[in-house]
N, C-alpha and C. Protein backbone atom coordinates (compact mmCIF):
# COMPACT_ATOMS: atom_id res chain seq x y z
N MET A 1 -88.40 73.84 91.61
CA MET A 1 -89.83 73.94 92.04
C MET A 1 -90.15 75.49 92.22
N LYS A 2 -89.31 76.45 92.44
CA LYS A 2 -89.57 77.85 92.41
C LYS A 2 -90.35 78.21 91.06
N ASN A 3 -90.18 77.84 90.20
CA ASN A 3 -90.59 78.17 88.72
C ASN A 3 -91.84 77.19 88.28
N LEU A 4 -92.12 76.03 88.94
CA LEU A 4 -93.11 75.09 88.44
C LEU A 4 -94.14 75.75 88.36
N GLN A 5 -94.76 76.47 89.56
CA GLN A 5 -95.88 76.95 89.64
C GLN A 5 -96.10 78.21 88.51
N LEU A 6 -95.41 78.96 88.21
CA LEU A 6 -95.61 79.79 87.12
C LEU A 6 -95.38 79.09 85.95
N LEU A 7 -94.96 78.04 85.51
CA LEU A 7 -94.75 77.37 84.35
C LEU A 7 -96.22 76.76 84.28
N ILE A 8 -96.86 75.96 85.29
CA ILE A 8 -98.03 75.51 84.99
C ILE A 8 -99.03 76.37 84.67
N SER A 9 -99.04 77.70 85.49
CA SER A 9 -99.93 78.58 85.18
C SER A 9 -99.91 79.00 83.87
N ALA A 10 -98.80 79.38 83.30
CA ALA A 10 -98.54 79.99 81.95
C ALA A 10 -99.13 79.00 81.04
N ILE A 11 -98.90 77.45 81.01
CA ILE A 11 -99.31 76.84 79.94
C ILE A 11 -100.82 76.44 80.05
N VAL A 12 -101.35 76.48 81.25
CA VAL A 12 -102.76 76.46 81.59
C VAL A 12 -103.37 77.77 80.91
N VAL A 13 -103.03 78.78 81.38
CA VAL A 13 -103.82 80.16 81.18
C VAL A 13 -103.55 80.35 79.56
N ILE A 14 -102.50 80.10 78.95
CA ILE A 14 -102.26 80.16 77.48
C ILE A 14 -103.28 79.42 76.79
N ALA A 15 -103.42 78.21 77.06
CA ALA A 15 -104.29 77.19 76.54
C ALA A 15 -105.75 77.48 76.47
N VAL A 16 -106.09 77.91 77.83
CA VAL A 16 -107.49 78.25 77.94
C VAL A 16 -107.94 79.72 77.25
N SER A 17 -106.75 80.75 76.98
CA SER A 17 -106.89 81.82 75.97
C SER A 17 -107.27 81.34 74.89
N PHE A 18 -106.99 80.22 74.12
CA PHE A 18 -107.54 79.86 72.88
C PHE A 18 -108.98 79.51 73.00
N VAL A 19 -109.30 78.70 73.98
CA VAL A 19 -110.57 78.37 74.14
C VAL A 19 -111.53 79.69 74.06
N TYR A 20 -111.08 80.68 74.83
CA TYR A 20 -112.04 82.00 74.93
C TYR A 20 -112.11 82.69 73.66
N GLY A 21 -110.86 82.70 73.10
CA GLY A 21 -110.77 83.70 72.03
C GLY A 21 -110.42 83.34 70.55
N PHE A 22 -109.86 82.25 70.24
CA PHE A 22 -109.59 82.15 68.89
C PHE A 22 -110.61 81.81 67.97
N ASN A 23 -111.71 81.05 68.28
CA ASN A 23 -112.94 81.38 67.46
C ASN A 23 -113.86 81.28 68.28
N PRO A 24 -114.37 82.16 68.93
CA PRO A 24 -115.31 82.14 70.05
C PRO A 24 -116.67 81.69 69.51
N SER A 25 -117.10 82.01 68.16
CA SER A 25 -118.30 81.40 67.67
C SER A 25 -118.42 80.17 67.63
N GLU A 26 -117.38 79.34 67.32
CA GLU A 26 -117.29 77.88 67.17
C GLU A 26 -117.11 77.07 68.44
N ILE A 27 -116.09 77.51 69.30
CA ILE A 27 -115.61 76.78 70.21
C ILE A 27 -116.40 77.06 71.43
N LEU A 28 -116.94 78.41 71.77
CA LEU A 28 -117.75 78.44 73.09
C LEU A 28 -119.08 77.97 73.24
N PRO A 29 -119.77 77.96 71.84
CA PRO A 29 -120.96 76.96 72.10
C PRO A 29 -120.68 75.51 72.42
N ALA A 30 -119.64 75.24 71.92
CA ALA A 30 -119.49 73.56 72.25
C ALA A 30 -118.92 73.25 73.55
N VAL A 31 -118.08 74.32 74.16
CA VAL A 31 -117.58 74.15 75.43
C VAL A 31 -118.69 74.54 76.59
N PHE A 32 -119.12 75.75 76.37
CA PHE A 32 -120.18 76.14 77.30
C PHE A 32 -121.52 76.33 77.21
N GLY A 33 -121.84 76.09 75.73
CA GLY A 33 -123.41 75.92 75.64
C GLY A 33 -124.13 77.18 75.41
N PHE A 34 -123.38 78.19 74.72
CA PHE A 34 -124.06 79.51 74.33
C PHE A 34 -123.41 80.28 73.28
N GLU A 35 -124.33 80.88 72.34
CA GLU A 35 -123.90 81.30 71.13
C GLU A 35 -122.82 82.70 71.16
N VAL A 36 -122.00 82.98 70.60
CA VAL A 36 -121.50 84.14 70.34
C VAL A 36 -121.71 84.75 68.95
N THR A 37 -122.17 85.49 68.79
CA THR A 37 -122.70 86.08 67.38
C THR A 37 -122.25 87.56 67.26
N ALA A 38 -122.49 88.34 68.36
CA ALA A 38 -122.06 89.58 68.40
C ALA A 38 -120.84 90.04 68.26
N ILE A 39 -120.66 90.91 67.48
CA ILE A 39 -119.13 91.53 67.27
C ILE A 39 -118.43 91.95 68.48
N ASP A 40 -119.33 92.71 69.33
CA ASP A 40 -118.76 93.04 70.65
C ASP A 40 -118.51 91.91 71.72
N LEU A 41 -119.24 91.12 71.44
CA LEU A 41 -119.00 89.93 72.48
C LEU A 41 -117.73 89.08 71.92
N LYS A 42 -117.60 89.11 70.55
CA LYS A 42 -116.45 88.31 70.16
C LYS A 42 -115.10 89.25 70.58
N ASN A 43 -115.47 90.37 70.35
CA ASN A 43 -114.55 91.29 70.95
C ASN A 43 -113.89 91.24 72.30
N ILE A 44 -114.95 90.92 73.24
CA ILE A 44 -114.61 90.77 74.64
C ILE A 44 -113.55 89.49 74.65
N PHE A 45 -114.38 88.25 74.16
CA PHE A 45 -113.58 87.19 74.28
C PHE A 45 -112.21 87.20 73.86
N ARG A 46 -112.01 88.01 72.85
CA ARG A 46 -110.73 87.98 72.23
C ARG A 46 -109.88 89.16 73.15
N ALA A 47 -110.33 89.85 73.59
CA ALA A 47 -109.59 90.91 74.55
C ALA A 47 -109.20 89.87 75.57
N ILE A 48 -110.10 89.02 76.23
CA ILE A 48 -109.80 88.06 77.40
C ILE A 48 -108.48 87.56 76.92
N MET A 49 -108.69 86.75 75.87
CA MET A 49 -107.58 85.90 74.95
C MET A 49 -106.25 86.39 75.08
N GLY A 50 -106.18 87.69 74.54
CA GLY A 50 -105.19 88.51 74.68
C GLY A 50 -104.56 88.87 76.27
N LEU A 51 -105.44 89.08 76.90
CA LEU A 51 -104.92 89.34 78.66
C LEU A 51 -104.41 87.97 78.95
N TYR A 52 -104.96 86.92 78.91
CA TYR A 52 -104.29 85.63 79.29
C TYR A 52 -102.85 85.21 78.75
N ILE A 53 -103.14 85.54 77.38
CA ILE A 53 -101.55 85.22 76.59
C ILE A 53 -100.69 86.25 77.25
N PHE A 54 -100.80 87.53 77.36
CA PHE A 54 -99.60 88.19 78.06
C PHE A 54 -99.19 88.02 79.31
N PHE A 55 -100.34 87.71 80.29
CA PHE A 55 -99.95 87.14 81.55
C PHE A 55 -99.05 85.93 81.43
N GLY A 56 -99.54 84.77 80.67
CA GLY A 56 -98.68 83.94 80.66
C GLY A 56 -97.33 83.95 79.92
N VAL A 57 -97.37 84.85 79.08
CA VAL A 57 -95.94 84.99 78.78
C VAL A 57 -95.11 85.97 79.81
N PHE A 58 -95.44 86.47 80.35
CA PHE A 58 -95.10 87.33 81.64
C PHE A 58 -94.52 86.34 82.56
N TRP A 59 -95.41 85.45 82.89
CA TRP A 59 -94.85 84.47 83.71
C TRP A 59 -93.69 83.53 83.35
N ILE A 60 -93.76 83.51 81.89
CA ILE A 60 -92.37 82.67 81.46
C ILE A 60 -91.32 83.68 81.41
N VAL A 61 -91.41 84.94 81.19
CA VAL A 61 -90.21 85.83 81.13
C VAL A 61 -89.87 85.73 82.87
N GLY A 62 -90.51 85.67 83.99
CA GLY A 62 -90.40 85.44 84.92
C GLY A 62 -89.61 84.44 85.51
N ILE A 63 -89.79 83.26 84.75
CA ILE A 63 -88.87 82.07 84.69
C ILE A 63 -87.59 82.37 84.15
N VAL A 64 -87.48 82.75 83.01
CA VAL A 64 -86.23 82.96 82.21
C VAL A 64 -85.52 83.98 82.75
N LYS A 65 -85.97 85.27 83.19
CA LYS A 65 -84.95 86.49 83.79
C LYS A 65 -85.46 86.51 85.30
N SER A 66 -84.73 85.97 85.92
CA SER A 66 -84.69 86.08 87.30
C SER A 66 -85.22 87.51 88.07
N ARG A 67 -84.91 88.46 87.47
CA ARG A 67 -85.18 89.74 88.06
C ARG A 67 -86.67 90.03 88.08
N PHE A 68 -87.34 89.31 87.15
CA PHE A 68 -88.60 89.67 86.86
C PHE A 68 -89.40 88.73 87.63
N TRP A 69 -88.97 87.57 88.22
CA TRP A 69 -89.54 86.51 89.09
C TRP A 69 -90.58 86.96 90.04
N GLU A 70 -90.22 87.83 90.97
CA GLU A 70 -91.12 88.15 92.15
C GLU A 70 -92.27 89.06 91.45
N ALA A 71 -92.28 89.83 90.70
CA ALA A 71 -93.33 90.34 90.04
C ALA A 71 -94.45 89.43 89.14
N ALA A 72 -93.39 88.52 88.49
CA ALA A 72 -94.59 87.45 87.66
C ALA A 72 -95.14 86.79 88.86
N THR A 73 -94.38 86.24 90.02
CA THR A 73 -95.34 85.74 91.13
C THR A 73 -96.36 86.40 91.61
N LEU A 74 -95.91 87.70 91.89
CA LEU A 74 -97.24 88.45 92.48
C LEU A 74 -98.42 88.55 91.63
N SER A 75 -97.99 88.76 90.19
CA SER A 75 -99.23 89.19 89.36
C SER A 75 -99.73 87.68 89.11
N ASN A 76 -99.15 86.55 89.21
CA ASN A 76 -99.74 85.37 89.16
C ASN A 76 -100.86 84.97 90.37
N ILE A 77 -100.06 85.51 91.77
CA ILE A 77 -101.21 85.51 92.63
C ILE A 77 -102.34 86.22 92.59
N LEU A 78 -102.22 87.60 92.29
CA LEU A 78 -103.38 88.36 92.05
C LEU A 78 -104.36 87.82 90.92
N PHE A 79 -103.81 87.36 89.86
CA PHE A 79 -104.73 86.70 88.69
C PHE A 79 -105.43 85.80 89.19
N MET A 80 -104.69 84.52 89.92
CA MET A 80 -105.49 83.15 90.17
C MET A 80 -106.41 83.78 91.20
N GLY A 81 -105.97 84.35 92.28
CA GLY A 81 -106.88 84.81 93.36
C GLY A 81 -108.00 85.80 92.83
N GLY A 82 -108.02 86.55 91.91
CA GLY A 82 -108.94 87.28 91.14
C GLY A 82 -110.03 86.27 90.68
N LEU A 83 -109.48 85.29 89.86
CA LEU A 83 -110.36 84.37 89.47
C LEU A 83 -111.24 83.62 90.26
N ALA A 84 -110.63 83.20 91.12
CA ALA A 84 -111.11 82.28 92.33
C ALA A 84 -112.12 83.09 93.06
N SER A 85 -111.77 84.07 93.26
CA SER A 85 -112.98 84.90 94.24
C SER A 85 -114.14 85.41 93.15
N GLY A 86 -113.83 85.49 91.99
CA GLY A 86 -115.04 86.08 91.24
C GLY A 86 -115.94 84.61 91.04
N ARG A 87 -115.03 83.53 90.95
CA ARG A 87 -115.97 82.18 90.86
C ARG A 87 -116.61 81.97 92.35
N ILE A 88 -116.03 82.12 93.58
CA ILE A 88 -116.67 81.82 94.78
C ILE A 88 -117.63 82.90 94.88
N ILE A 89 -117.69 84.02 94.27
CA ILE A 89 -118.91 84.81 94.60
C ILE A 89 -119.99 84.59 93.67
N SER A 90 -119.70 84.13 92.38
CA SER A 90 -120.65 83.47 91.36
C SER A 90 -121.30 82.25 92.15
N THR A 91 -120.61 81.48 92.90
CA THR A 91 -121.17 80.22 93.43
C THR A 91 -122.51 80.67 94.53
N PHE A 92 -122.05 81.66 95.01
CA PHE A 92 -122.95 82.10 96.11
C PHE A 92 -123.99 82.88 95.41
N ALA A 93 -123.91 83.76 94.54
CA ALA A 93 -124.82 84.31 93.87
C ALA A 93 -125.99 83.71 92.74
N ASP A 94 -125.21 82.75 92.26
CA ASP A 94 -125.50 82.38 90.81
C ASP A 94 -125.86 80.73 91.32
N GLY A 95 -125.29 80.00 92.01
CA GLY A 95 -125.33 78.66 92.47
C GLY A 95 -124.02 77.78 91.86
N ILE A 96 -124.02 76.46 92.14
CA ILE A 96 -122.79 75.81 91.77
C ILE A 96 -122.67 75.28 90.55
N SER A 97 -121.51 75.53 89.52
CA SER A 97 -121.21 75.04 88.52
C SER A 97 -119.79 73.98 88.81
N LYS A 98 -120.13 72.88 88.57
CA LYS A 98 -119.09 71.83 88.88
C LYS A 98 -117.66 72.17 87.99
N GLN A 99 -118.05 72.57 86.90
CA GLN A 99 -116.96 72.95 85.96
C GLN A 99 -115.95 74.12 86.63
N PHE A 100 -116.80 75.01 87.03
CA PHE A 100 -115.99 76.32 87.57
C PHE A 100 -115.70 76.23 89.02
N LEU A 101 -116.35 75.14 89.79
CA LEU A 101 -115.98 75.12 91.07
C LEU A 101 -114.62 74.38 91.00
N ILE A 102 -114.18 73.53 90.44
CA ILE A 102 -113.12 72.82 89.98
C ILE A 102 -112.17 73.94 89.68
N GLY A 103 -112.40 74.71 88.91
CA GLY A 103 -111.49 75.81 88.53
C GLY A 103 -111.03 76.65 89.60
N ALA A 104 -112.13 77.04 90.64
CA ALA A 104 -111.82 77.93 91.66
C ALA A 104 -110.72 77.07 92.70
N PHE A 105 -111.20 75.95 92.93
CA PHE A 105 -110.17 75.28 93.40
C PHE A 105 -108.61 75.12 93.12
N LEU A 106 -108.58 74.86 91.79
CA LEU A 106 -107.48 74.85 91.24
C LEU A 106 -106.84 76.47 91.41
N GLU A 107 -107.37 77.25 90.90
CA GLU A 107 -106.74 78.56 91.05
C GLU A 107 -106.61 78.94 92.44
N LEU A 108 -107.16 78.61 93.53
CA LEU A 108 -106.78 79.00 94.89
C LEU A 108 -105.45 78.05 95.36
N ILE A 109 -105.36 77.11 94.73
CA ILE A 109 -103.94 75.85 95.23
C ILE A 109 -102.86 77.10 94.40
N MET A 110 -103.10 77.43 92.98
CA MET A 110 -102.03 78.27 92.65
C MET A 110 -101.67 79.56 93.09
N MET A 111 -102.79 80.17 93.62
CA MET A 111 -102.66 81.46 94.39
C MET A 111 -101.55 81.22 95.91
N PHE A 112 -102.06 80.19 96.45
CA PHE A 112 -101.42 79.75 97.70
C PHE A 112 -100.03 79.26 97.66
N TRP A 113 -100.00 78.57 96.31
CA TRP A 113 -98.60 77.87 96.00
C TRP A 113 -97.53 79.12 95.94
N GLY A 114 -98.18 80.09 94.82
CA GLY A 114 -97.55 81.46 94.64
C GLY A 114 -97.05 82.17 96.12
N ILE A 115 -97.88 82.30 97.07
CA ILE A 115 -97.75 83.10 98.16
C ILE A 115 -96.56 82.25 98.71
N ASN A 116 -96.79 80.93 98.86
CA ASN A 116 -95.69 80.31 99.52
C ASN A 116 -94.25 80.36 98.63
N ASN A 117 -94.26 80.36 97.66
CA ASN A 117 -92.97 80.57 96.87
C ASN A 117 -92.53 81.82 97.06
N LEU A 118 -93.48 83.27 97.06
CA LEU A 118 -93.09 84.42 97.31
C LEU A 118 -92.38 84.53 98.67
N LYS A 119 -92.78 83.69 99.64
CA LYS A 119 -92.24 83.97 101.06
C LYS A 119 -91.13 83.20 101.09
N LYS A 120 -90.94 82.01 100.37
CA LYS A 120 -89.81 81.16 100.82
C LYS A 120 -88.69 81.62 99.50
N TYR A 121 -88.69 82.55 98.30
CA TYR A 121 -87.80 82.58 97.58
C TYR A 121 -87.56 84.23 97.53
N LYS A 122 -88.52 85.05 98.21
CA LYS A 122 -88.29 86.44 97.64
C LYS A 122 -86.81 86.99 98.04
N SER A 123 -86.52 87.80 97.47
CA SER A 123 -85.16 88.43 97.80
C SER A 123 -85.09 89.14 98.93
N LYS A 124 -83.89 88.75 99.56
CA LYS A 124 -83.68 89.30 100.61
C LYS A 124 -83.27 90.80 100.89
N ILE A 125 -82.67 91.44 99.53
CA ILE A 125 -82.42 92.67 99.39
C ILE A 125 -83.29 93.64 99.45
N ARG A 126 -83.73 94.50 100.51
CA ARG A 126 -84.88 95.29 100.66
C ARG A 126 -84.34 96.64 101.21
């Protein structure tokens, strides 16, 4: 159970990274309903893809190499909490998006699961 939260997060975040960045001109209009034609916008989405992939890989490293588990879990808590808080702010500022409201709920679950795991399994050596 200690690593399940990181594993689920890594799989989902890496998969989502390809939605954002693999071919933003084709995928994003179909998924989100807006065009991505400007090179700078494509660059932003591919940068997000890279960021998501590298966080996902780091969480997998935290599963495989126990010495990185705490750092991976903490980064996951911050990542999920940051996404959820941005979505919550957007809900108040912009209105409700059912698609992203579900995302915020799941991100909060992952954040609190990570906090619980960190408290439960954190190294006793300090």
